[in-house]
Amino acid sequence: MGLFLITFLFVHLGINLLVLLPDTSAFNIAAHFMGTNPIIKVFEVVLFSGFIIHIIYGLTLQVQNWMARPNRYKIEGWSHSSPFSKFMIHTAVIIFIFLVIHLADFYFKAKFGHLEEVLINGEPYHDMAALVLAKFKIIGFVIGYIFIFIILGFHLHHGFQSAFQSFGLNNKTYTPIIKNVGTLIAFILAIGYIIIPVAIYFL
């Protein structure tokens, strides 16, 4: 399920980058398509279900780990595992809080709120681009989004590797490759999402 969510993040990033174009029509058309296409709506349900399953699965594993070792060591063996794995539950909580705020700021406003409309090829579209551009002219939002996507990068760095471990792909041949690919994916997604608010704020 984690790999499905990573795929969604790449798709979402590709659409979001359209807002940086001089003409934001492509972004508004893409946002309209994502919000109205029946097939996308089905995937939307799958996506939200995936988030819920991912959260439940992660919490279950964390509770199992705590129960397996109720008496924590006085001195943690930091060399035995990466900092990314040790703080997965913490980064997950931060990402979940951000997700709720993000949905309230954009998704629910697009679905249930009142947005200005813009004519594109004679057809009315919600001006989602104007909403995004306005949000990222606020320095607090820019700093917040930079922070959260750094956290997301840390979360994905370990999460990608863990997804393959759950499939039993954990050996000397595959593990280094998976780690490197995970690092690359985490870096691309974190930087890709960070570029958007930074570019908008300074343009």
Protein backbone atom coordinates (compact mmCIF):
# COMPACT_ATOMS: atom_id res chain seq x y z
CA MET A 1 0.00 0.00 0.00
CA GLY A 2 2.91 2.32 0.72
CA LEU A 3 4.15 1.91 -2.88
CA PHE A 4 0.71 2.90 -4.16
CA LEU A 5 0.83 6.07 -2.04
CA ILE A 6 4.32 6.87 -3.40
CA THR A 7 2.96 6.54 -6.94
CA PHE A 8 0.17 8.97 -6.04
CA LEU A 9 2.73 11.44 -4.69
CA PHE A 10 4.53 11.46 -8.05
CA VAL A 11 1.28 11.99 -9.96
CA HIS A 12 0.22 14.75 -7.56
CA LEU A 13 3.63 16.40 -7.90
CA GLY A 14 3.42 16.38 -11.68
CA ILE A 15 0.06 18.14 -11.58
CA ASN A 16 1.16 20.63 -8.93
CA LEU A 17 4.22 21.67 -10.94
CA LEU A 18 1.85 22.94 -13.64
CA VAL A 19 0.96 25.85 -11.35
CA LEU A 20 4.45 27.26 -11.97
CA LEU A 21 3.75 27.75 -15.68
CA PRO A 22 3.14 31.36 -16.80
CA ASP A 23 -0.31 30.28 -17.95
CA THR A 24 -2.04 28.39 -15.13
CA SER A 25 -4.80 27.08 -17.38
CA ALA A 26 -3.18 23.64 -17.57
CA PHE A 27 -3.18 23.38 -13.79
CA ASN A 28 -6.83 24.39 -13.49
CA ILE A 29 -7.85 21.95 -16.23
CA ALA A 30 -5.89 19.14 -14.56
CA ALA A 31 -7.40 19.98 -11.15
CA HIS A 32 -10.88 20.00 -12.70
CA PHE A 33 -10.23 16.63 -14.36
CA MET A 34 -8.98 15.12 -11.08
CA GLY A 35 -12.06 16.41 -9.27
CA THR A 36 -14.74 15.41 -11.76
CA ASN A 37 -13.62 12.36 -13.73
CA PRO A 38 -15.61 9.27 -12.57
CA ILE A 39 -12.57 6.98 -12.80
CA ILE A 40 -10.49 9.38 -10.72
CA LYS A 41 -13.28 9.50 -8.14
CA VAL A 42 -13.04 5.72 -7.78
CA PHE A 43 -9.27 6.00 -7.31
CA GLU A 44 -9.95 8.76 -4.80
CA VAL A 45 -11.87 6.28 -2.64
CA VAL A 46 -9.04 3.76 -3.09
CA LEU A 47 -6.53 6.44 -2.13
CA PHE A 48 -8.31 7.46 1.07
CA SER A 49 -8.77 3.79 1.93
CA GLY A 50 -5.07 3.30 1.32
CA PHE A 51 -4.19 6.11 3.71
CA ILE A 52 -6.41 4.61 6.40
CA ILE A 53 -4.98 1.11 5.91
CA HIS A 54 -1.45 2.50 5.89
CA ILE A 55 -2.06 4.38 9.14
CA ILE A 56 -3.69 1.38 10.86
CA TYR A 57 -0.92 -0.96 9.67
CA GLY A 58 1.80 1.42 10.85
CA LEU A 59 0.19 1.90 14.25
CA THR A 60 -0.29 -1.85 14.64
CA LEU A 61 3.39 -2.51 13.93
CA GLN A 62 4.44 0.22 16.35
CA VAL A 63 2.25 -1.15 19.14
CA GLN A 64 3.57 -4.66 18.49
CA ASN A 65 7.14 -3.34 18.75
CA TRP A 66 6.36 -1.59 22.04
CA MET A 67 4.69 -4.70 23.44
CA ALA A 68 7.59 -6.88 22.35
CA ARG A 69 9.96 -4.68 24.34
CA PRO A 70 8.02 -3.07 27.19
CA ASN A 71 11.17 -2.27 29.18
CA ARG A 72 13.26 0.07 27.06
CA TYR A 73 17.02 0.04 27.38
CA LYS A 74 18.58 2.82 29.45
CA ILE A 75 21.00 3.44 26.58
CA GLU A 76 19.54 2.97 23.11
CA GLY A 77 21.56 1.02 20.56
CA TRP A 78 21.54 3.75 17.94
CA SER A 79 23.98 1.87 15.74
CA HIS A 80 21.56 -1.02 15.29
CA SER A 81 19.04 0.86 13.20
CA SER A 82 18.82 4.12 11.28
CA PRO A 83 17.31 7.30 12.75
CA PHE A 84 14.73 7.12 9.96
CA SER A 85 13.33 3.84 11.31
CA LYS A 86 13.39 5.00 14.93
CA PHE A 87 11.24 8.05 14.21
CA MET A 88 8.80 6.58 11.68
CA ILE A 89 5.84 6.86 14.06
CA HIS A 90 6.76 10.47 14.89
CA THR A 91 7.09 11.54 11.26
CA ALA A 92 3.85 9.68 10.49
CA VAL A 93 1.95 11.69 13.13
CA ILE A 94 3.34 14.98 11.77
CA ILE A 95 2.41 13.99 8.21
CA PHE A 96 -1.10 13.02 9.30
CA ILE A 97 -1.64 16.40 10.99
CA PHE A 98 -0.37 18.13 7.86
CA LEU A 99 -2.66 16.03 5.68
CA VAL A 100 -5.72 17.14 7.64
CA ILE A 101 -4.68 20.80 7.32
CA HIS A 102 -3.85 20.36 3.63
CA LEU A 103 -7.22 18.78 2.87
CA ALA A 104 -9.00 21.60 4.70
CA ASP A 105 -7.01 24.24 2.80
CA PHE A 106 -7.39 22.83 -0.70
CA TYR A 107 -9.41 19.63 -1.16
CA PHE A 108 -12.49 20.56 0.87
CA LYS A 109 -12.49 24.13 -0.41
CA ALA A 110 -12.48 22.79 -3.96
CA LYS A 111 -15.22 20.27 -3.18
CA PHE A 112 -17.52 22.20 -0.87
CA GLY A 113 -16.29 25.77 -0.68
CA HIS A 114 -16.75 28.74 -2.96
CA LEU A 115 -13.90 29.34 -5.39
CA GLU A 116 -13.60 32.01 -8.01
CA GLU A 117 -14.09 30.81 -11.56
CA VAL A 118 -12.00 31.48 -14.63
CA LEU A 119 -12.92 30.98 -18.28
CA ILE A 120 -10.68 28.62 -20.25
CA ASN A 121 -11.59 28.13 -23.89
CA GLY A 122 -15.00 29.55 -23.07
CA GLU A 123 -15.64 27.01 -20.29
CA PRO A 124 -15.81 27.92 -16.54
CA TYR A 125 -13.30 26.26 -14.22
CA HIS A 126 -12.60 26.69 -10.52
CA ASP A 127 -9.51 28.86 -10.22
CA MET A 128 -7.52 26.48 -8.02
CA ALA A 129 -4.31 28.09 -9.23
CA ALA A 130 -5.31 31.42 -7.68
CA LEU A 131 -5.90 29.67 -4.34
CA VAL A 132 -2.50 27.94 -4.45
CA LEU A 133 -0.66 31.10 -5.51
CA ALA A 134 -2.32 33.12 -2.74
CA LYS A 135 -1.47 30.54 -0.06
CA PHE A 136 2.18 30.39 -1.03
CA LYS A 137 2.60 34.15 -0.87
CA ILE A 138 2.28 33.74 2.91
CA ILE A 139 5.69 33.06 4.45
CA GLY A 140 4.23 30.91 7.23
CA PHE A 141 2.73 28.50 4.70
CA VAL A 142 6.00 28.36 2.76
CA ILE A 143 8.04 27.53 5.85
CA GLY A 144 5.46 25.01 7.00
CA TYR A 145 5.43 23.22 3.66
CA ILE A 146 9.23 23.13 3.46
CA PHE A 147 9.33 21.58 6.92
CA ILE A 148 6.66 18.99 6.22
CA PHE A 149 8.21 17.81 2.96
CA ILE A 150 11.59 17.40 4.63
CA ILE A 151 9.78 15.22 7.17
CA LEU A 152 8.05 13.37 4.33
CA GLY A 153 11.43 12.73 2.72
CA PHE A 154 12.70 11.14 5.93
CA HIS A 155 9.53 9.05 6.19
CA LEU A 156 9.75 7.83 2.60
CA HIS A 157 13.46 7.07 2.90
CA HIS A 158 12.79 4.27 5.37
CA GLY A 159 9.23 3.49 4.23
CA PHE A 160 10.28 2.51 0.70
CA GLN A 161 12.82 0.02 2.01
CA SER A 162 10.35 -1.36 4.56
CA ALA A 163 7.78 -1.96 1.82
CA PHE A 164 10.16 -4.30 0.01
CA GLN A 165 11.17 -6.00 3.25
CA SER A 166 7.53 -6.86 3.79
CA PHE A 167 7.69 -8.70 0.43
CA GLY A 168 10.69 -10.70 1.67
CA LEU A 169 13.20 -8.86 -0.57
CA ASN A 170 15.92 -8.39 2.02
CA ASN A 171 19.32 -9.76 1.11
CA LYS A 172 22.84 -8.60 0.28
CA THR A 173 22.08 -8.30 -3.42
CA TYR A 174 18.81 -6.36 -3.42
CA THR A 175 18.90 -4.37 -0.16
CA PRO A 176 21.64 -1.86 -1.15
CA ILE A 177 19.86 -1.19 -4.46
CA ILE A 178 16.51 -0.75 -2.74
CA LYS A 179 18.08 1.64 -0.20
CA ASN A 180 19.61 3.76 -2.97
CA VAL A 181 16.37 3.85 -4.95
CA GLY A 182 14.48 4.78 -1.77
CA THR A 183 16.91 7.61 -1.07
CA LEU A 184 16.53 8.90 -4.64
CA ILE A 185 12.72 8.76 -4.49
CA ALA A 186 12.63 10.52 -1.12
CA PHE A 187 14.98 13.24 -2.42
CA ILE A 188 13.08 13.81 -5.69
CA LEU A 189 9.68 14.02 -3.99
CA ALA A 190 10.87 16.25 -1.14
CA ILE A 191 12.73 18.67 -3.42
CA GLY A 192 9.98 18.59 -6.05
CA TYR A 193 7.29 19.61 -3.58
CA ILE A 194 9.53 22.17 -1.84
CA ILE A 195 10.30 23.92 -5.14
CA ILE A 196 6.63 24.84 -5.60
CA PRO A 197 6.04 27.10 -2.55
CA VAL A 198 9.55 28.54 -2.74
CA ALA A 199 9.24 29.43 -6.42
CA ILE A 200 5.78 30.96 -5.93
CA TYR A 201 6.87 33.04 -2.93
CA PHE A 202 9.93 34.49 -4.64
CA LEU A 203 8.41 35.00 -8.12
